[in-house]
Protein backbone atom coordinates (compact mmCIF):
# COMPACT_ATOMS: atom_id res chain seq x y z
CA LEU A 1 6.22 -31.14 -9.18
CA GLU A 2 6.21 -27.81 -10.95
CA ARG A 3 2.66 -27.14 -9.74
CA MET A 4 3.69 -27.98 -6.18
CA GLY A 5 6.78 -25.79 -6.44
CA ASP A 6 4.70 -22.90 -7.78
CA ARG A 7 2.16 -23.39 -4.98
CA LEU A 8 4.85 -23.47 -2.29
CA ARG A 9 6.64 -20.38 -3.61
CA GLN A 10 3.34 -18.48 -3.70
CA MET A 11 2.45 -19.58 -0.17
CA LEU A 12 5.88 -18.42 1.00
CA ARG A 13 5.47 -15.06 -0.76
CA ASP A 14 2.06 -14.65 0.88
CA LEU A 15 3.54 -15.43 4.30
CA ILE A 16 6.40 -12.98 3.80
CA SER A 17 3.95 -10.29 2.77
CA GLU A 18 1.63 -11.03 5.67
CA LEU A 19 4.44 -10.88 8.24
CA GLU A 20 6.15 -7.96 6.46
CA VAL A 21 9.52 -9.69 6.69
CA PRO A 22 12.35 -8.23 4.58
CA MET A 23 12.97 -11.31 2.47
CA GLY A 24 11.92 -13.06 -0.71
CA VAL A 25 11.69 -16.41 -2.47
CA THR A 26 13.41 -17.60 -5.63
CA GLY A 27 13.25 -20.84 -7.54
CA ALA A 28 11.82 -22.68 -10.50
CA ALA A 29 9.87 -25.90 -10.99
CA SER A 30 10.38 -27.97 -7.82
CA LEU A 31 13.19 -25.80 -6.42
CA PHE A 32 12.91 -22.92 -3.97
CA ALA A 33 15.20 -20.77 -1.86
CA LEU A 34 14.49 -18.29 0.89
CA GLN A 35 16.31 -15.01 0.32
CA PHE A 36 16.96 -12.75 3.30
CA THR A 37 17.19 -9.52 1.37
CA THR A 38 14.75 -7.10 -0.21
CA GLU A 39 16.93 -6.98 -3.32
CA PRO A 40 15.88 -9.18 -6.26
CA VAL A 41 18.34 -12.10 -6.24
CA THR A 42 19.49 -12.76 -9.78
CA ASP A 43 23.23 -13.39 -9.48
CA TYR A 44 26.09 -13.79 -7.02
CA ARG A 45 26.32 -10.09 -6.23
CA SER A 46 22.65 -9.80 -5.39
CA TYR A 47 22.80 -13.08 -3.43
CA ALA A 48 25.62 -11.55 -1.35
CA THR A 49 23.12 -9.00 0.05
CA ASN A 50 21.45 -11.79 2.06
CA ASP A 51 21.41 -11.36 5.84
CA LYS A 52 23.61 -14.37 6.73
CA GLU A 53 22.70 -14.23 10.42
CA MET A 54 18.98 -14.41 9.63
CA MET A 55 19.66 -17.23 7.16
CA GLN A 56 21.35 -19.24 9.93
CA THR A 57 18.55 -18.42 12.38
CA VAL A 58 15.89 -19.67 9.96
CA PHE A 59 17.92 -22.76 9.00
CA THR A 60 18.30 -23.72 12.67
CA GLY A 61 14.71 -22.81 13.48
CA LEU A 62 13.34 -24.98 10.67
CA LEU A 63 15.62 -27.83 11.73
CA ASN A 64 14.17 -27.55 15.24
CA GLU A 65 10.69 -27.64 13.66
CA GLY A 66 11.57 -30.89 11.85
CA PHE A 67 12.46 -29.52 8.40
CA LEU A 68 15.94 -30.01 6.97
CA MET A 69 17.01 -27.63 4.23
CA SER A 70 20.42 -26.76 2.92
CA ASN A 71 22.26 -24.36 5.21
CA ARG A 72 21.56 -21.67 2.60
CA CYS A 73 17.80 -22.21 3.08
CA ALA A 74 17.27 -23.84 -0.31
CA GLY A 75 15.10 -26.88 -0.85
CA ASN A 76 12.85 -28.72 -3.23
CA VAL A 77 9.55 -30.54 -3.33
CA SER A 78 9.39 -34.13 -4.49
CA ALA A 79 6.79 -36.65 -5.61
CA VAL A 80 6.33 -37.90 -2.05
CA HIS A 81 5.28 -34.47 -0.72
CA THR A 82 1.62 -33.66 -0.29
CA ASP A 83 -0.25 -30.37 -0.03
CA ALA A 84 -0.40 -31.03 3.74
CA ASP A 85 3.40 -31.24 3.80
CA LEU A 86 3.66 -27.85 2.08
CA ASP A 87 1.17 -26.36 4.54
CA ALA A 88 3.16 -27.79 7.47
CA PHE A 89 6.39 -26.29 6.12
CA VAL A 90 4.84 -22.85 5.72
CA ASP A 91 3.34 -23.07 9.22
CA ALA A 92 6.76 -24.02 10.63
CA LEU A 93 8.40 -21.11 8.81
CA ARG A 94 5.72 -18.80 10.22
CA ARG A 95 6.60 -19.88 13.76
CA VAL A 96 10.33 -19.48 13.09
CA LEU A 97 9.94 -15.99 11.62
CA ILE A 98 7.71 -14.86 14.47
CA ARG A 99 10.22 -16.13 17.03
CA ALA A 100 13.06 -14.42 15.14
CA GLY A 101 11.05 -11.24 15.45
């Protein structure tokens, strides 16, 4: 699970860099969270810099793409997920971010 979490977080970082979106990814082991800020998120104050409107847009967009996350755009991988599932999630996020423009 940790390997899958590391892989997913790196894929998300690569996507964010590729699309030049002002956001980041946090998490450890199987956990991940999308952060809609360029600030490093390390505590409540830095979390508060998130763009809440963008967070809601991405949450709804991913839901429409078939991926349910928490409404704060946090999630986790589990033993039932495959590399293809991770790829599908990143592809869905790509479409959502492009649409959000």
